[in-house]
N, C-alpha and C. Protein backbone atom coordinates (compact mmCIF):
# COMPACT_ATOMS: atom_id res chain seq x y z
N UNK A 1 0.86 -1.18 0.00
CA UNK A 1 0.00 0.00 0.00
C UNK A 1 0.91 1.24 0.00
N UNK A 2 0.58 2.20 -0.81
CA UNK A 2 1.30 3.45 -0.92
C UNK A 2 1.24 4.23 0.39
N UNK A 3 2.29 5.01 0.70
CA UNK A 3 2.33 5.78 1.94
C UNK A 3 1.18 6.76 2.07
N UNK A 4 0.79 7.39 0.97
CA UNK A 4 -0.33 8.35 1.02
C UNK A 4 -1.63 7.61 1.33
N UNK A 5 -1.85 6.49 0.67
CA UNK A 5 -3.05 5.71 0.94
C UNK A 5 -3.02 5.16 2.37
N UNK A 6 -1.87 4.68 2.81
CA UNK A 6 -1.72 4.15 4.16
C UNK A 6 -2.06 5.21 5.21
N UNK A 7 -1.58 6.43 5.01
CA UNK A 7 -1.86 7.52 5.94
C UNK A 7 -3.36 7.85 5.97
N UNK A 8 -3.96 7.92 4.78
CA UNK A 8 -5.40 8.23 4.71
C UNK A 8 -6.21 7.14 5.39
N UNK A 9 -5.88 5.88 5.12
CA UNK A 9 -6.61 4.77 5.74
C UNK A 9 -6.46 4.81 7.25
N UNK A 10 -5.25 5.09 7.74
CA UNK A 10 -5.03 5.16 9.18
C UNK A 10 -5.88 6.23 9.84
N UNK A 11 -5.98 7.38 9.21
CA UNK A 11 -6.79 8.46 9.78
C UNK A 11 -8.27 8.14 9.70
N UNK A 12 -8.70 7.53 8.60
CA UNK A 12 -10.11 7.13 8.49
C UNK A 12 -10.46 6.10 9.57
N UNK A 13 -9.57 5.14 9.81
CA UNK A 13 -9.80 4.15 10.87
C UNK A 13 -9.86 4.84 12.23
N UNK A 14 -9.00 5.82 12.45
CA UNK A 14 -9.07 6.60 13.70
C UNK A 14 -10.43 7.27 13.82
N UNK A 15 -10.96 7.76 12.70
CA UNK A 15 -12.29 8.37 12.70
C UNK A 15 -13.38 7.37 13.02
N UNK A 16 -13.27 6.17 12.46
CA UNK A 16 -14.25 5.12 12.78
C UNK A 16 -14.20 4.80 14.28
N UNK A 17 -12.99 4.71 14.80
CA UNK A 17 -12.82 4.41 16.23
C UNK A 17 -13.42 5.53 17.08
N UNK A 18 -13.20 6.78 16.66
CA UNK A 18 -13.76 7.93 17.38
C UNK A 18 -15.29 7.89 17.37
N UNK A 19 -15.87 7.51 16.22
CA UNK A 19 -17.33 7.39 16.14
C UNK A 19 -17.84 6.36 17.14
N UNK A 20 -17.15 5.24 17.25
CA UNK A 20 -17.60 4.17 18.13
C UNK A 20 -17.44 4.51 19.60
N UNK A 21 -16.46 5.34 19.93
CA UNK A 21 -16.17 5.64 21.33
C UNK A 21 -16.67 7.01 21.76
N UNK A 22 -17.28 7.76 20.84
CA UNK A 22 -17.82 9.08 21.18
C UNK A 22 -16.75 10.16 21.29
N UNK A 23 -15.60 9.92 20.71
CA UNK A 23 -14.51 10.89 20.74
C UNK A 23 -14.61 11.84 19.55
N UNK A 24 -13.77 12.84 19.58
CA UNK A 24 -13.71 13.82 18.50
C UNK A 24 -13.00 13.23 17.29
N UNK A 25 -13.43 13.63 16.11
CA UNK A 25 -12.80 13.15 14.87
C UNK A 25 -11.35 13.61 14.81
N UNK A 26 -10.48 12.78 14.24
CA UNK A 26 -9.07 13.16 14.17
C UNK A 26 -8.83 14.35 13.26
N UNK A 27 -7.85 15.16 13.61
CA UNK A 27 -7.48 16.31 12.78
C UNK A 27 -6.86 15.80 11.48
N UNK A 28 -7.12 16.48 10.42
CA UNK A 28 -6.50 16.14 9.15
C UNK A 28 -7.22 15.10 8.32
N UNK A 29 -8.39 14.66 8.77
CA UNK A 29 -9.12 13.63 8.05
C UNK A 29 -9.42 14.05 6.61
N UNK A 30 -9.99 15.23 6.44
CA UNK A 30 -10.33 15.71 5.09
C UNK A 30 -9.09 15.89 4.22
N UNK A 31 -8.02 16.42 4.81
CA UNK A 31 -6.79 16.64 4.04
C UNK A 31 -6.16 15.32 3.61
N UNK A 32 -6.18 14.32 4.48
CA UNK A 32 -5.60 13.01 4.14
C UNK A 32 -6.37 12.35 3.01
N UNK A 33 -7.69 12.42 3.08
CA UNK A 33 -8.52 11.83 2.02
C UNK A 33 -8.32 12.61 0.71
N UNK A 34 -8.24 13.93 0.79
CA UNK A 34 -8.00 14.74 -0.42
C UNK A 34 -6.64 14.43 -1.03
N UNK A 35 -5.62 14.23 -0.20
CA UNK A 35 -4.29 13.90 -0.71
C UNK A 35 -4.30 12.55 -1.42
N UNK A 36 -5.01 11.59 -0.85
CA UNK A 36 -5.12 10.27 -1.48
C UNK A 36 -5.86 10.37 -2.80
N UNK A 37 -6.91 11.18 -2.85
CA UNK A 37 -7.64 11.39 -4.11
C UNK A 37 -6.70 12.02 -5.14
N UNK A 38 -5.91 13.01 -4.73
CA UNK A 38 -4.98 13.67 -5.64
C UNK A 38 -3.91 12.71 -6.15
N UNK A 39 -3.59 11.69 -5.36
CA UNK A 39 -2.60 10.69 -5.76
C UNK A 39 -3.21 9.61 -6.65
N UNK A 40 -4.51 9.74 -6.92
CA UNK A 40 -5.15 8.83 -7.85
C UNK A 40 -5.97 7.72 -7.22
N UNK A 41 -6.12 7.74 -5.91
CA UNK A 41 -6.93 6.72 -5.24
C UNK A 41 -8.38 7.17 -5.17
N UNK A 42 -9.29 6.24 -5.34
CA UNK A 42 -10.71 6.55 -5.28
C UNK A 42 -11.19 6.44 -3.84
N UNK A 43 -12.38 6.96 -3.60
CA UNK A 43 -12.99 6.81 -2.27
C UNK A 43 -13.18 5.34 -1.94
N UNK A 44 -13.49 4.54 -2.95
CA UNK A 44 -13.66 3.10 -2.73
C UNK A 44 -12.34 2.46 -2.26
N UNK A 45 -11.22 2.91 -2.83
CA UNK A 45 -9.91 2.41 -2.39
C UNK A 45 -9.67 2.75 -0.93
N UNK A 46 -9.91 4.01 -0.59
CA UNK A 46 -9.61 4.51 0.76
C UNK A 46 -10.53 3.87 1.79
N UNK A 47 -11.83 4.01 1.57
CA UNK A 47 -12.78 3.55 2.57
C UNK A 47 -12.93 2.04 2.57
N UNK A 48 -12.69 1.39 1.43
CA UNK A 48 -12.70 -0.07 1.40
C UNK A 48 -11.58 -0.64 2.26
N UNK A 49 -10.38 -0.08 2.11
CA UNK A 49 -9.25 -0.53 2.93
C UNK A 49 -9.49 -0.22 4.40
N UNK A 50 -10.06 0.95 4.69
CA UNK A 50 -10.34 1.31 6.08
C UNK A 50 -11.40 0.39 6.67
N UNK A 51 -12.42 0.06 5.89
CA UNK A 51 -13.46 -0.86 6.37
C UNK A 51 -12.87 -2.22 6.72
N UNK A 52 -12.00 -2.72 5.85
CA UNK A 52 -11.37 -4.03 6.11
C UNK A 52 -10.50 -3.97 7.35
N UNK A 53 -9.70 -2.91 7.49
CA UNK A 53 -8.82 -2.80 8.65
C UNK A 53 -9.61 -2.67 9.94
N UNK A 54 -10.63 -1.79 9.95
CA UNK A 54 -11.41 -1.60 11.17
C UNK A 54 -12.25 -2.83 11.47
N UNK A 55 -12.76 -3.49 10.45
CA UNK A 55 -13.49 -4.73 10.66
C UNK A 55 -12.63 -5.77 11.35
N UNK A 56 -11.38 -5.88 10.93
CA UNK A 56 -10.47 -6.82 11.58
C UNK A 56 -10.19 -6.39 13.01
N UNK A 57 -10.07 -5.08 13.23
CA UNK A 57 -9.84 -4.57 14.58
C UNK A 57 -11.03 -4.91 15.49
N UNK A 58 -12.24 -4.79 14.95
CA UNK A 58 -13.42 -5.13 15.74
C UNK A 58 -13.42 -6.62 16.10
N UNK A 59 -13.00 -7.44 15.16
CA UNK A 59 -12.94 -8.88 15.43
C UNK A 59 -11.86 -9.17 16.47
N UNK A 60 -10.70 -8.55 16.30
CA UNK A 60 -9.57 -8.80 17.21
C UNK A 60 -9.87 -8.31 18.62
N UNK A 61 -10.67 -7.28 18.76
CA UNK A 61 -10.96 -6.67 20.06
C UNK A 61 -12.46 -6.78 20.37
N UNK A 62 -13.00 -7.94 20.18
CA UNK A 62 -14.45 -8.15 20.35
C UNK A 62 -14.93 -7.58 21.67
N UNK A 63 -15.98 -6.79 21.57
CA UNK A 63 -16.60 -6.22 22.77
C UNK A 63 -16.03 -4.87 23.19
N UNK A 64 -14.92 -4.46 22.63
CA UNK A 64 -14.31 -3.21 23.05
C UNK A 64 -15.11 -1.99 22.61
N UNK A 65 -15.75 -2.07 21.44
CA UNK A 65 -16.44 -0.91 20.88
C UNK A 65 -17.95 -1.11 20.95
N UNK A 66 -18.49 -1.18 22.11
CA UNK A 66 -19.95 -1.34 22.24
C UNK A 66 -20.61 -0.05 22.55
């Protein structure tokens, strides 16, 4: 995975985690996604990878995000 895509996915996953725990959204979320788009990645690339990563995190940490 490209560094730009990796950074965007990491921040999106942080945002998913924030949604589940009632925390504030991470700074730079929009900029990271925009940078990934500028590098040629689609929203499906970014959010698909984030969905897979966070889904695995939910499985690995069952019950943590209730």
